[in-house]
Amino acid sequence: MNRSFLGIFILILFISCDDGGIIVTNFDFENSALKTCRGTNKNVIYAINNQDVNESISLEFSNSILEFGENGNILPPENDPYSFQLSGNNRMVYRMYNGNVPADYFCNVVPPSEPAVVEEWVSGSGATVVIQTGFADETGNADPDGDGLKNSEEGWVANGQSQDTDEDGIPNYLDIDDDNDNVKTVTELANSANDPVNENGYRDTDEDGIPNYLDNDDDNDGVLTRFEVKEGDENNPTVFQTAQGIPNYLNPEQTASLQHDIYLDHDITRKYGYQITVNNLKFTRSDGSGESIQFQTYNLGNIQESGIPFPQCPSVDPSCNGGQ
């Protein structure tokens, strides 16, 4: 599922008229992106274009078809690709208007009377909507684990085996604690104490060439960082200080050790992309003229959603499903 959905879409419709002639109409959504609105009985995925011509295209579907999160984001379906049929209230609609279409047009319970619809085409039965899910943060410049390091700086490999320093089954670019020492990577990158840095400029307290965020013994005292804690704070070595005003895990002279099997929560949120196509789609003009538009495959476009929960568990953690 390592796919990135980027770019904007252009829809070209071939209109088949009753007299057998072909009319080519460009649906210019070049500068638009699909958006969503949730309703009481149905949800809508749509795009609006107010350049040169005022138009919209929308996919209306039952609110039982896709699951939405607390923030109103579409959650990834369990099955990929996910599909459903167009029929009845599940439909696609193309409209043209006599004025600018407001951004919240489809989010109103009752659509506003203005702008007025001057042309409308509605889908019939028999079409299949296909939604393919992929990650939209699988790029070199992305930072899905939020630790301040880009994927390209954490050994990310597109469609390959990415670096996993602590061998916990979570690659570094998705791991908030790359060395599994219970100190978050973002914390170990900070250097307010003006500690030494390695040749790459990363904080390296014990000057062994291994940056703190990849070093499971940051002070090189022979006690793993994650065990230099006190009871009750097993998942936070930064708070355990016994001398000189610095945490024990950064002080080679302090070697108190507490054995435990507690690990940080590794759950993060990610950015997903949903690519939407419709197979065997037929539009019919709503004015009773009998004109129709047919498509073997119709590329509706894509949606990107941020902040989607992405549960993770280090393979060494016995408290969650990934534990051994």
Protein backbone atom coordinates (compact mmCIF):
# COMPACT_ATOMS: atom_id res chain seq x y z
CA MET A 1 0.00 0.00 0.00
CA ASN A 2 2.99 2.28 -0.52
CA ARG A 3 1.40 4.51 -3.11
CA SER A 4 1.33 8.27 -3.23
CA PHE A 5 -1.64 10.04 -4.76
CA LEU A 6 -0.55 13.42 -6.01
CA GLY A 7 -1.63 15.86 -8.69
CA ILE A 8 -4.81 17.35 -10.06
CA PHE A 9 -7.16 15.81 -12.55
CA ILE A 10 -8.77 16.80 -15.86
CA LEU A 11 -12.01 15.10 -16.81
CA ILE A 12 -12.88 14.84 -20.51
CA LEU A 13 -16.42 13.71 -21.25
CA PHE A 14 -17.63 12.33 -24.53
CA ILE A 15 -21.34 13.11 -24.82
CA SER A 16 -23.38 10.75 -26.94
CA CYS A 17 -26.50 12.47 -28.24
CA ASP A 18 -29.69 10.97 -29.62
CA ASP A 19 -28.70 11.78 -33.20
CA GLY A 20 -25.49 9.79 -32.86
CA GLY A 21 -23.20 12.85 -32.89
CA ILE A 22 -20.31 13.22 -30.50
CA ILE A 23 -19.86 16.40 -28.48
CA VAL A 24 -16.65 16.84 -26.51
CA THR A 25 -16.99 18.76 -23.25
CA ASN A 26 -14.05 19.58 -20.96
CA PHE A 27 -14.76 19.41 -17.24
CA ASP A 28 -12.02 21.74 -16.10
CA PHE A 29 -11.15 20.88 -12.49
CA GLU A 30 -7.49 21.56 -13.08
CA ASN A 31 -7.09 23.81 -10.03
CA SER A 32 -9.43 21.96 -7.72
CA ALA A 33 -9.17 19.05 -5.29
CA LEU A 34 -11.86 16.68 -4.07
CA LYS A 35 -13.43 17.58 -0.75
CA THR A 36 -15.94 15.90 1.54
CA CYS A 37 -19.04 16.83 3.50
CA ARG A 38 -20.88 14.65 6.00
CA GLY A 39 -24.65 14.72 6.22
CA THR A 40 -27.34 13.12 8.34
CA ASN A 41 -28.29 10.52 5.75
CA LYS A 42 -25.58 10.82 3.13
CA ASN A 43 -22.05 12.01 2.53
CA VAL A 44 -20.70 13.89 -0.47
CA ILE A 45 -17.35 13.92 -2.21
CA TYR A 46 -17.15 16.84 -4.61
CA ALA A 47 -15.14 19.33 -6.63
CA ILE A 48 -16.14 22.86 -7.64
CA ASN A 49 -14.81 24.91 -10.55
CA ASN A 50 -15.54 28.63 -10.86
CA GLN A 51 -13.11 29.43 -13.65
CA ASP A 52 -14.61 30.33 -17.04
CA VAL A 53 -17.60 28.11 -16.29
CA ASN A 54 -19.32 27.53 -12.94
CA GLU A 55 -19.62 23.79 -12.45
CA SER A 56 -19.39 20.98 -9.95
CA ILE A 57 -19.14 17.25 -9.85
CA SER A 58 -20.22 15.25 -6.82
CA LEU A 59 -20.47 11.70 -5.56
CA GLU A 60 -23.32 11.22 -3.10
CA PHE A 61 -23.46 8.05 -1.04
CA SER A 62 -25.03 6.57 2.08
CA ASN A 63 -23.23 7.46 5.31
CA SER A 64 -22.99 3.74 6.08
CA ILE A 65 -20.62 3.10 3.15
CA LEU A 66 -17.41 4.72 4.43
CA GLU A 67 -16.29 5.24 8.00
CA PHE A 68 -15.37 8.73 9.14
CA GLY A 69 -13.20 9.64 12.11
CA GLU A 70 -13.92 12.11 14.90
CA ASN A 71 -12.26 14.90 12.90
CA GLY A 72 -14.46 14.24 9.87
CA ASN A 73 -11.70 12.48 7.91
CA ILE A 74 -12.37 9.39 5.84
CA LEU A 75 -10.82 6.38 7.55
CA PRO A 76 -9.09 3.74 5.40
CA PRO A 77 -11.48 0.91 4.48
CA GLU A 78 -10.50 -2.54 5.67
CA ASN A 79 -10.51 -3.83 2.10
CA ASP A 80 -8.32 -2.27 -0.57
CA PRO A 81 -9.52 -1.57 -3.16
CA TYR A 82 -12.95 -0.85 -1.73
CA SER A 83 -16.00 -0.68 -4.01
CA PHE A 84 -19.73 -0.01 -3.98
CA GLN A 85 -22.51 0.29 -6.54
CA LEU A 86 -24.25 3.42 -7.77
CA SER A 87 -28.00 3.04 -7.43
CA GLY A 88 -30.79 5.07 -5.88
CA ASN A 89 -29.34 7.58 -3.42
CA ASN A 90 -25.80 6.51 -4.25
CA ARG A 91 -25.18 8.62 -7.33
CA MET A 92 -22.93 11.03 -9.19
CA VAL A 93 -24.10 14.45 -10.34
CA TYR A 94 -22.56 16.99 -12.71
CA ARG A 95 -24.02 20.51 -12.62
CA MET A 96 -23.54 23.87 -14.27
CA TYR A 97 -24.68 27.08 -12.54
CA ASN A 98 -25.54 30.67 -13.39
CA GLY A 99 -22.97 32.06 -10.92
CA ASN A 100 -20.08 31.28 -8.59
CA VAL A 101 -20.55 28.17 -6.50
CA PRO A 102 -19.71 28.81 -2.81
CA ALA A 103 -17.18 26.49 -1.18
CA ASP A 104 -19.79 25.24 1.33
CA TYR A 105 -22.47 24.60 -1.29
CA PHE A 106 -22.53 20.84 -0.67
CA CYS A 107 -22.19 21.18 3.09
CA ASN A 108 -25.57 22.86 3.56
CA VAL A 109 -28.48 20.68 4.67
CA VAL A 110 -30.64 22.58 2.19
CA PRO A 111 -28.70 23.75 -0.91
CA PRO A 112 -28.96 27.52 -1.42
CA SER A 113 -31.30 28.83 -4.12
CA GLU A 114 -28.45 30.80 -5.65
CA PRO A 115 -26.58 30.12 -7.78
CA ALA A 116 -29.26 28.37 -9.79
CA VAL A 117 -28.55 25.08 -11.54
CA VAL A 118 -28.82 25.58 -15.32
CA GLU A 119 -27.76 22.10 -16.41
CA GLU A 120 -27.59 18.77 -14.59
CA TRP A 121 -26.52 15.25 -15.42
CA VAL A 122 -27.24 12.36 -13.01
CA SER A 123 -25.83 8.84 -12.97
CA GLY A 124 -28.00 5.77 -13.27
CA SER A 125 -27.61 2.24 -11.94
CA GLY A 126 -24.93 -0.26 -12.83
CA ALA A 127 -21.78 1.76 -12.16
CA THR A 128 -19.16 0.70 -9.62
CA VAL A 129 -17.19 3.15 -7.50
CA VAL A 130 -13.68 1.91 -6.71
CA ILE A 131 -11.62 3.54 -3.97
CA GLN A 132 -7.93 2.69 -3.74
CA THR A 133 -6.10 3.63 -0.57
CA GLY A 134 -2.46 4.63 -0.27
CA PHE A 135 -0.15 6.64 1.94
CA ALA A 136 0.41 10.26 0.94
CA ASP A 137 3.43 10.64 3.24
CA GLU A 138 5.68 8.16 1.45
CA THR A 139 7.96 10.83 0.00
CA GLY A 140 11.48 11.91 0.84
CA ASN A 141 10.38 15.26 2.29
CA ALA A 142 7.58 13.88 4.48
CA ASP A 143 7.88 13.32 8.24
CA PRO A 144 5.05 10.96 9.25
CA ASP A 145 6.45 10.23 12.72
CA GLY A 146 6.81 13.95 13.50
CA ASP A 147 10.32 13.67 14.92
CA GLY A 148 11.80 16.52 12.88
CA LEU A 149 13.69 14.26 10.47
CA LYS A 150 12.57 13.84 6.88
CA ASN A 151 11.99 10.36 5.51
CA SER A 152 15.09 10.79 3.36
CA GLU A 153 17.13 11.36 6.55
CA GLU A 154 15.81 8.23 8.25
CA GLY A 155 16.72 5.56 5.75
CA TRP A 156 13.35 5.53 3.98
CA VAL A 157 13.28 3.44 0.81
CA ALA A 158 10.35 3.74 -1.58
CA ASN A 159 8.72 0.33 -2.01
CA GLY A 160 11.65 -1.30 -0.23
CA GLN A 161 13.19 -2.27 3.08
CA SER A 162 13.63 0.95 5.07
CA GLN A 163 16.12 1.35 7.91
CA ASP A 164 15.07 0.00 11.31
CA THR A 165 17.90 0.78 13.73
CA ASP A 166 16.41 -0.87 16.82
CA GLU A 167 15.00 -3.82 14.85
CA ASP A 168 11.62 -3.51 16.52
CA GLY A 169 9.67 -3.97 13.28
CA ILE A 170 8.94 -0.24 12.94
CA PRO A 171 11.12 1.52 10.36
CA ASN A 172 12.85 4.68 11.57
CA TYR A 173 10.73 6.98 9.42
CA LEU A 174 7.63 5.76 11.30
CA ASP A 175 9.29 5.28 14.70
CA ILE A 176 9.01 8.01 17.34
CA ASP A 177 11.84 6.29 19.29
CA ASP A 178 14.39 5.05 16.76
CA ASP A 179 16.67 3.35 19.30
CA ASN A 180 13.93 2.05 21.62
CA ASP A 181 15.47 3.70 24.70
CA ASN A 182 12.17 5.32 25.79
CA VAL A 183 13.42 8.79 24.96
CA LYS A 184 11.66 10.15 21.88
CA THR A 185 13.79 10.89 18.86
CA VAL A 186 12.60 14.51 18.81
CA THR A 187 13.86 14.90 22.39
CA GLU A 188 17.23 13.33 21.63
CA LEU A 189 17.74 15.61 18.64
CA ALA A 190 17.36 18.74 20.78
CA ASN A 191 20.60 20.04 22.24
CA SER A 192 19.78 22.73 24.78
CA ALA A 193 22.57 21.33 26.99
CA ASN A 194 25.14 22.07 24.26
CA ASP A 195 26.33 18.47 24.27
CA PRO A 196 28.93 17.39 21.71
CA VAL A 197 27.69 16.53 18.21
CA ASN A 198 28.90 13.91 15.77
CA GLU A 199 30.27 14.58 12.31
CA ASN A 200 26.75 14.98 10.95
CA GLY A 201 25.83 17.60 13.52
CA TYR A 202 23.57 15.42 15.66
CA ARG A 203 23.72 15.43 19.47
CA ASP A 204 26.21 12.80 20.68
CA THR A 205 26.61 13.04 24.44
CA ASP A 206 29.18 10.24 24.84
CA GLU A 207 31.10 11.24 21.69
CA ASP A 208 31.09 7.70 20.31
CA GLY A 209 30.04 8.85 16.85
CA ILE A 210 26.51 7.47 17.28
CA PRO A 211 23.92 10.24 17.67
CA ASN A 212 21.80 10.04 20.82
CA TYR A 213 18.64 9.32 18.87
CA LEU A 214 20.22 6.11 17.52
CA ASP A 215 22.23 5.24 20.64
CA ASN A 216 20.59 2.97 23.24
CA ASP A 217 23.29 3.90 25.82
CA ASP A 218 23.61 7.65 25.49
CA ASP A 219 26.30 8.15 28.16
CA ASN A 220 28.21 4.92 27.43
CA ASP A 221 28.16 3.82 31.08
CA GLY A 222 27.19 0.24 30.30
CA VAL A 223 23.58 0.69 31.44
CA LEU A 224 21.00 0.97 28.69
CA THR A 225 19.25 4.34 28.65
CA ARG A 226 15.83 2.76 29.09
CA PHE A 227 16.92 1.17 32.40
CA GLU A 228 18.27 4.40 33.91
CA VAL A 229 14.91 5.23 35.43
CA LYS A 230 13.07 5.10 38.73
CA GLU A 231 10.04 3.03 39.56
CA GLY A 232 6.85 4.71 38.32
CA ASP A 233 8.67 6.53 35.52
CA GLU A 234 9.93 3.52 33.59
CA ASN A 235 8.98 5.05 30.24
CA ASN A 236 10.71 8.39 30.86
CA PRO A 237 14.47 8.36 31.57
CA THR A 238 14.63 12.15 31.23
CA VAL A 239 13.09 12.70 34.70
CA PHE A 240 15.48 10.50 36.73
CA GLN A 241 18.26 12.67 38.18
CA THR A 242 20.40 11.79 41.19
CA ALA A 243 23.33 14.19 40.85
CA GLN A 244 24.74 17.23 39.04
CA GLY A 245 21.35 18.31 37.71
CA ILE A 246 21.32 16.11 34.63
CA PRO A 247 19.40 12.90 33.94
CA ASN A 248 21.18 9.68 34.83
CA TYR A 249 20.95 8.43 31.26
CA LEU A 250 23.30 11.28 30.21
CA ASN A 251 25.59 10.99 33.23
CA PRO A 252 28.27 8.25 32.98
CA GLU A 253 28.97 8.52 36.71
CA GLN A 254 25.42 7.45 37.63
CA THR A 255 24.73 3.78 36.92
CA ALA A 256 21.59 3.01 38.91
CA SER A 257 19.55 0.50 36.93
CA LEU A 258 15.94 -0.63 37.02
CA GLN A 259 14.97 -3.61 34.87
CA HIS A 260 11.50 -3.43 33.31
CA ASP A 261 9.58 -4.24 30.14
CA ILE A 262 7.71 -0.96 29.61
CA TYR A 263 7.94 0.87 26.27
CA LEU A 264 6.67 4.13 24.85
CA ASP A 265 3.39 4.25 22.98
CA HIS A 266 4.43 4.19 19.31
CA ASP A 267 1.06 5.10 17.74
CA ILE A 268 1.21 7.96 15.24
CA THR A 269 -1.09 9.61 12.69
CA ARG A 270 -0.51 9.56 8.94
CA LYS A 271 -1.64 11.17 5.72
CA TYR A 272 -3.66 8.96 3.40
CA GLY A 273 -4.69 9.32 -0.22
CA TYR A 274 -7.89 7.93 -1.70
CA GLN A 275 -8.02 7.56 -5.48
CA ILE A 276 -11.56 7.31 -6.82
CA THR A 277 -12.57 5.82 -10.16
CA VAL A 278 -15.98 4.80 -11.45
CA ASN A 279 -16.46 1.91 -13.87
CA ASN A 280 -19.32 1.60 -16.39
CA LEU A 281 -20.65 5.05 -15.55
CA LYS A 282 -23.62 6.51 -17.42
CA PHE A 283 -24.87 10.07 -16.94
CA THR A 284 -28.33 11.13 -18.16
CA ARG A 285 -29.32 14.74 -18.65
CA SER A 286 -32.05 15.77 -16.21
CA ASP A 287 -34.09 17.85 -18.67
CA GLY A 288 -35.83 14.83 -20.16
CA SER A 289 -34.03 15.13 -23.50
CA GLY A 290 -32.69 11.60 -23.25
CA GLU A 291 -29.10 12.69 -23.81
CA SER A 292 -26.59 10.47 -22.06
CA ILE A 293 -22.87 10.29 -21.32
CA GLN A 294 -21.11 6.95 -20.90
CA PHE A 295 -17.66 6.06 -19.59
CA GLN A 296 -15.95 2.73 -19.35
CA THR A 297 -13.63 4.11 -16.66
CA TYR A 298 -14.08 7.56 -15.12
CA ASN A 299 -11.25 9.01 -13.07
CA LEU A 300 -12.99 11.18 -10.48
CA GLY A 301 -9.77 12.17 -8.72
CA ASN A 302 -8.30 11.85 -5.25
CA ILE A 303 -8.63 13.03 -1.68
CA GLN A 304 -5.85 13.47 0.83
CA GLU A 305 -6.69 13.17 4.50
CA SER A 306 -4.32 14.03 7.36
CA GLY A 307 -4.34 13.00 11.00
CA ILE A 308 -5.51 9.42 10.41
CA PRO A 309 -4.67 7.17 13.41
CA PHE A 310 -1.93 4.64 12.63
CA PRO A 311 -1.50 2.15 15.51
CA GLN A 312 1.95 0.61 15.93
CA CYS A 313 3.62 -1.75 18.35
CA PRO A 314 7.33 -2.54 18.80
CA SER A 315 7.90 -6.26 18.33
CA VAL A 316 9.66 -6.40 21.72
CA ASP A 317 6.75 -4.88 23.65
CA PRO A 318 4.75 -7.62 25.42
CA SER A 319 1.85 -5.27 26.21
CA CYS A 320 0.49 -4.94 22.67
CA ASN A 321 -0.41 -7.22 19.81
CA GLY A 322 2.97 -6.93 18.12
CA GLY A 323 4.79 -8.22 21.17
CA GLN A 324 6.42 -11.60 21.20
